Amino acid sequence: MSSSDLARLTAETLSLALLVSAPALLASVLIGLLVGLLQAVTQVQEQTLSFVPKLVGVALVLATLGGWMTGQLVRFTSALWLAIPTLVH
């Protein structure tokens, strides 16, 4: 395996990890901002108030986009398994 193959494979892996994790992370950040704003406006400082909505939001995102995420990971893994003979020359 040449260093260019390794660099390409590393870049593809990192971009896929970012692509697959982005929906859940964005949902968590947006919900956290909204709950934080709501807590600041109402002056209610309850810790579970910020945790539970994020948990529910991320669960909804994973339930909605989980099939797509899994498909992306399976596609990448299949391509990687098929490329092993060319990578180990």
N, C-alpha and C. Protein backbone atom coordinates (compact mmCIF):
# COMPACT_ATOMS: atom_id res chain seq x y z
N MET A 1 0.86 -1.17 0.00
CA MET A 1 0.00 0.00 0.00
C MET A 1 0.90 1.23 0.00
N SER A 2 0.68 2.09 -0.95
CA SER A 2 1.50 3.30 -1.03
C SER A 2 0.94 4.36 -0.08
N SER A 3 1.75 5.36 0.15
CA SER A 3 1.32 6.41 1.07
C SER A 3 0.16 7.22 0.49
N SER A 4 0.08 7.32 -0.83
CA SER A 4 -1.05 8.05 -1.43
C SER A 4 -2.35 7.26 -1.26
N ASP A 5 -2.26 5.92 -1.36
CA ASP A 5 -3.45 5.10 -1.11
C ASP A 5 -3.92 5.23 0.33
N LEU A 6 -2.97 5.22 1.24
CA LEU A 6 -3.31 5.36 2.66
C LEU A 6 -3.90 6.73 2.96
N ALA A 7 -3.36 7.78 2.35
CA ALA A 7 -3.88 9.13 2.56
C ALA A 7 -5.30 9.25 1.99
N ARG A 8 -5.53 8.68 0.81
CA ARG A 8 -6.86 8.71 0.19
C ARG A 8 -7.86 7.95 1.04
N LEU A 9 -7.47 6.78 1.51
CA LEU A 9 -8.35 5.96 2.33
C LEU A 9 -8.67 6.65 3.66
N THR A 10 -7.67 7.28 4.25
CA THR A 10 -7.90 8.02 5.49
C THR A 10 -8.84 9.20 5.27
N ALA A 11 -8.65 9.92 4.19
CA ALA A 11 -9.52 11.06 3.88
C ALA A 11 -10.96 10.60 3.62
N GLU A 12 -11.12 9.50 2.90
CA GLU A 12 -12.47 8.99 2.65
C GLU A 12 -13.14 8.52 3.95
N THR A 13 -12.36 7.89 4.82
CA THR A 13 -12.91 7.42 6.09
C THR A 13 -13.35 8.58 6.96
N LEU A 14 -12.53 9.60 7.06
CA LEU A 14 -12.87 10.76 7.88
C LEU A 14 -14.05 11.53 7.32
N SER A 15 -14.11 11.67 6.01
CA SER A 15 -15.25 12.39 5.42
C SER A 15 -16.54 11.59 5.59
N LEU A 16 -16.47 10.27 5.51
CA LEU A 16 -17.66 9.46 5.74
C LEU A 16 -18.10 9.55 7.20
N ALA A 17 -17.15 9.53 8.12
CA ALA A 17 -17.50 9.66 9.54
C ALA A 17 -18.17 11.00 9.81
N LEU A 18 -17.68 12.05 9.20
CA LEU A 18 -18.28 13.38 9.35
C LEU A 18 -19.67 13.42 8.73
N LEU A 19 -19.82 12.84 7.55
CA LEU A 19 -21.10 12.84 6.85
C LEU A 19 -22.16 12.05 7.63
N VAL A 20 -21.78 10.92 8.17
CA VAL A 20 -22.74 10.06 8.87
C VAL A 20 -23.10 10.63 10.24
N SER A 21 -22.14 11.25 10.91
CA SER A 21 -22.42 11.77 12.26
C SER A 21 -23.04 13.17 12.25
N ALA A 22 -22.95 13.87 11.13
CA ALA A 22 -23.43 15.26 11.07
C ALA A 22 -24.91 15.43 11.42
N PRO A 23 -25.83 14.63 10.91
CA PRO A 23 -27.24 14.87 11.25
C PRO A 23 -27.52 14.79 12.75
N ALA A 24 -27.00 13.79 13.42
CA ALA A 24 -27.23 13.65 14.86
C ALA A 24 -26.56 14.78 15.64
N LEU A 25 -25.36 15.15 15.25
CA LEU A 25 -24.67 16.23 15.93
C LEU A 25 -25.37 17.57 15.72
N LEU A 26 -25.82 17.82 14.50
CA LEU A 26 -26.53 19.07 14.23
C LEU A 26 -27.84 19.14 14.99
N ALA A 27 -28.55 18.02 15.05
CA ALA A 27 -29.81 18.00 15.81
C ALA A 27 -29.54 18.29 17.27
N SER A 28 -28.51 17.70 17.83
CA SER A 28 -28.17 17.91 19.23
C SER A 28 -27.79 19.36 19.51
N VAL A 29 -27.01 19.95 18.62
CA VAL A 29 -26.59 21.34 18.80
C VAL A 29 -27.78 22.29 18.68
N LEU A 30 -28.61 22.09 17.68
CA LEU A 30 -29.77 22.98 17.50
C LEU A 30 -30.74 22.86 18.66
N ILE A 31 -31.02 21.66 19.10
CA ILE A 31 -31.92 21.48 20.23
C ILE A 31 -31.31 22.07 21.49
N GLY A 32 -30.01 21.89 21.68
CA GLY A 32 -29.32 22.47 22.83
C GLY A 32 -29.40 23.98 22.84
N LEU A 33 -29.23 24.59 21.66
CA LEU A 33 -29.35 26.05 21.58
C LEU A 33 -30.76 26.53 21.89
N LEU A 34 -31.75 25.83 21.34
CA LEU A 34 -33.13 26.22 21.60
C LEU A 34 -33.50 26.05 23.08
N VAL A 35 -33.10 24.95 23.67
CA VAL A 35 -33.40 24.72 25.09
C VAL A 35 -32.64 25.72 25.95
N GLY A 36 -31.40 26.01 25.60
CA GLY A 36 -30.62 27.01 26.34
C GLY A 36 -31.26 28.38 26.27
N LEU A 37 -31.75 28.74 25.11
CA LEU A 37 -32.44 30.02 24.95
C LEU A 37 -33.72 30.04 25.78
N LEU A 38 -34.46 28.95 25.74
CA LEU A 38 -35.68 28.84 26.53
C LEU A 38 -35.38 28.91 28.04
N GLN A 39 -34.31 28.27 28.46
CA GLN A 39 -33.93 28.33 29.88
C GLN A 39 -33.50 29.73 30.28
N ALA A 40 -32.81 30.42 29.39
CA ALA A 40 -32.38 31.79 29.70
C ALA A 40 -33.57 32.73 29.80
N VAL A 41 -34.54 32.54 28.92
CA VAL A 41 -35.72 33.41 28.92
C VAL A 41 -36.59 33.15 30.15
N THR A 42 -36.78 31.87 30.48
CA THR A 42 -37.67 31.54 31.60
C THR A 42 -36.93 31.43 32.93
N GLN A 43 -35.63 31.49 32.92
CA GLN A 43 -34.78 31.36 34.10
C GLN A 43 -35.00 30.04 34.83
N VAL A 44 -35.34 28.99 34.10
CA VAL A 44 -35.46 27.65 34.66
C VAL A 44 -34.15 26.93 34.38
N GLN A 45 -33.43 26.57 35.42
CA GLN A 45 -32.11 25.94 35.25
C GLN A 45 -32.15 24.49 35.71
N GLU A 46 -32.89 23.68 35.00
CA GLU A 46 -33.00 22.26 35.32
C GLU A 46 -32.14 21.48 34.33
N GLN A 47 -31.25 20.62 34.84
CA GLN A 47 -30.31 19.90 33.98
C GLN A 47 -31.02 18.90 33.06
N THR A 48 -32.04 18.23 33.58
CA THR A 48 -32.73 17.25 32.74
C THR A 48 -33.49 17.91 31.61
N LEU A 49 -33.81 19.17 31.76
CA LEU A 49 -34.54 19.88 30.71
C LEU A 49 -33.69 20.01 29.44
N SER A 50 -32.38 20.06 29.58
CA SER A 50 -31.55 20.14 28.38
C SER A 50 -31.17 18.76 27.86
N PHE A 51 -31.14 17.76 28.73
CA PHE A 51 -30.71 16.43 28.31
C PHE A 51 -31.80 15.66 27.58
N VAL A 52 -32.99 15.64 28.12
CA VAL A 52 -34.08 14.82 27.56
C VAL A 52 -34.47 15.26 26.14
N PRO A 53 -34.65 16.54 25.86
CA PRO A 53 -35.00 16.92 24.47
C PRO A 53 -33.89 16.54 23.47
N LYS A 54 -32.63 16.68 23.88
CA LYS A 54 -31.54 16.28 22.98
C LYS A 54 -31.57 14.78 22.72
N LEU A 55 -31.82 14.02 23.76
CA LEU A 55 -31.90 12.57 23.63
C LEU A 55 -33.03 12.17 22.68
N VAL A 56 -34.19 12.78 22.84
CA VAL A 56 -35.33 12.48 21.98
C VAL A 56 -35.06 12.94 20.54
N GLY A 57 -34.47 14.12 20.39
CA GLY A 57 -34.17 14.63 19.05
C GLY A 57 -33.18 13.77 18.30
N VAL A 58 -32.13 13.36 18.97
CA VAL A 58 -31.13 12.50 18.33
C VAL A 58 -31.73 11.14 18.01
N ALA A 59 -32.57 10.62 18.90
CA ALA A 59 -33.24 9.34 18.63
C ALA A 59 -34.13 9.45 17.39
N LEU A 60 -34.84 10.56 17.25
CA LEU A 60 -35.68 10.76 16.06
C LEU A 60 -34.86 10.85 14.79
N VAL A 61 -33.75 11.57 14.87
CA VAL A 61 -32.87 11.68 13.70
C VAL A 61 -32.32 10.31 13.32
N LEU A 62 -31.88 9.54 14.32
CA LEU A 62 -31.35 8.21 14.02
C LEU A 62 -32.43 7.28 13.48
N ALA A 63 -33.65 7.40 14.00
CA ALA A 63 -34.74 6.57 13.49
C ALA A 63 -35.10 6.96 12.06
N THR A 64 -35.02 8.25 11.76
CA THR A 64 -35.36 8.73 10.43
C THR A 64 -34.25 8.47 9.41
N LEU A 65 -33.01 8.78 9.78
CA LEU A 65 -31.90 8.68 8.84
C LEU A 65 -31.00 7.48 9.07
N GLY A 66 -31.37 6.61 9.99
CA GLY A 66 -30.53 5.46 10.31
C GLY A 66 -30.30 4.54 9.13
N GLY A 67 -31.33 4.34 8.31
CA GLY A 67 -31.18 3.50 7.12
C GLY A 67 -30.18 4.07 6.13
N TRP A 68 -30.26 5.38 5.94
CA TRP A 68 -29.31 6.03 5.04
C TRP A 68 -27.89 5.94 5.58
N MET A 69 -27.74 6.18 6.90
CA MET A 69 -26.42 6.11 7.53
C MET A 69 -25.84 4.70 7.40
N THR A 70 -26.67 3.71 7.67
CA THR A 70 -26.21 2.34 7.56
C THR A 70 -25.84 2.00 6.12
N GLY A 71 -26.63 2.48 5.18
CA GLY A 71 -26.32 2.25 3.77
C GLY A 71 -24.98 2.83 3.37
N GLN A 72 -24.69 4.03 3.85
CA GLN A 72 -23.41 4.66 3.54
C GLN A 72 -22.24 3.85 4.12
N LEU A 73 -22.41 3.40 5.36
CA LEU A 73 -21.35 2.62 6.00
C LEU A 73 -21.16 1.27 5.33
N VAL A 74 -22.26 0.62 4.94
CA VAL A 74 -22.16 -0.67 4.26
C VAL A 74 -21.52 -0.50 2.89
N ARG A 75 -21.90 0.55 2.17
CA ARG A 75 -21.30 0.82 0.84
C ARG A 75 -19.80 1.01 0.96
N PHE A 76 -19.37 1.80 1.95
CA PHE A 76 -17.94 2.06 2.13
C PHE A 76 -17.21 0.78 2.54
N THR A 77 -17.80 0.01 3.45
CA THR A 77 -17.16 -1.22 3.91
C THR A 77 -17.05 -2.23 2.78
N SER A 78 -18.08 -2.35 1.97
CA SER A 78 -18.03 -3.28 0.83
C SER A 78 -16.94 -2.86 -0.16
N ALA A 79 -16.88 -1.58 -0.44
CA ALA A 79 -15.84 -1.09 -1.36
C ALA A 79 -14.45 -1.33 -0.78
N LEU A 80 -14.32 -1.17 0.52
CA LEU A 80 -13.02 -1.39 1.16
C LEU A 80 -12.63 -2.86 1.09
N TRP A 81 -13.57 -3.76 1.36
CA TRP A 81 -13.28 -5.19 1.28
C TRP A 81 -12.90 -5.60 -0.14
N LEU A 82 -13.61 -5.04 -1.12
CA LEU A 82 -13.29 -5.36 -2.51
C LEU A 82 -11.95 -4.79 -2.95
N ALA A 83 -11.51 -3.70 -2.29
CA ALA A 83 -10.25 -3.07 -2.68
C ALA A 83 -9.05 -3.67 -1.97
N ILE A 84 -9.24 -4.55 -1.03
CA ILE A 84 -8.11 -5.12 -0.29
C ILE A 84 -7.08 -5.78 -1.20
N PRO A 85 -7.47 -6.59 -2.19
CA PRO A 85 -6.44 -7.19 -3.06
C PRO A 85 -5.58 -6.16 -3.79
N THR A 86 -6.17 -5.03 -4.16
CA THR A 86 -5.37 -4.02 -4.87
C THR A 86 -4.53 -3.19 -3.91
N LEU A 87 -4.95 -3.13 -2.64
CA LEU A 87 -4.20 -2.33 -1.66
C LEU A 87 -3.00 -3.09 -1.11
N VAL A 88 -3.05 -4.42 -1.12
CA VAL A 88 -1.97 -5.23 -0.55
C VAL A 88 -1.23 -5.89 -1.70
N HIS A 89 -0.46 -5.15 -2.41
CA HIS A 89 0.26 -5.74 -3.55
C HIS A 89 1.64 -6.08 -3.20
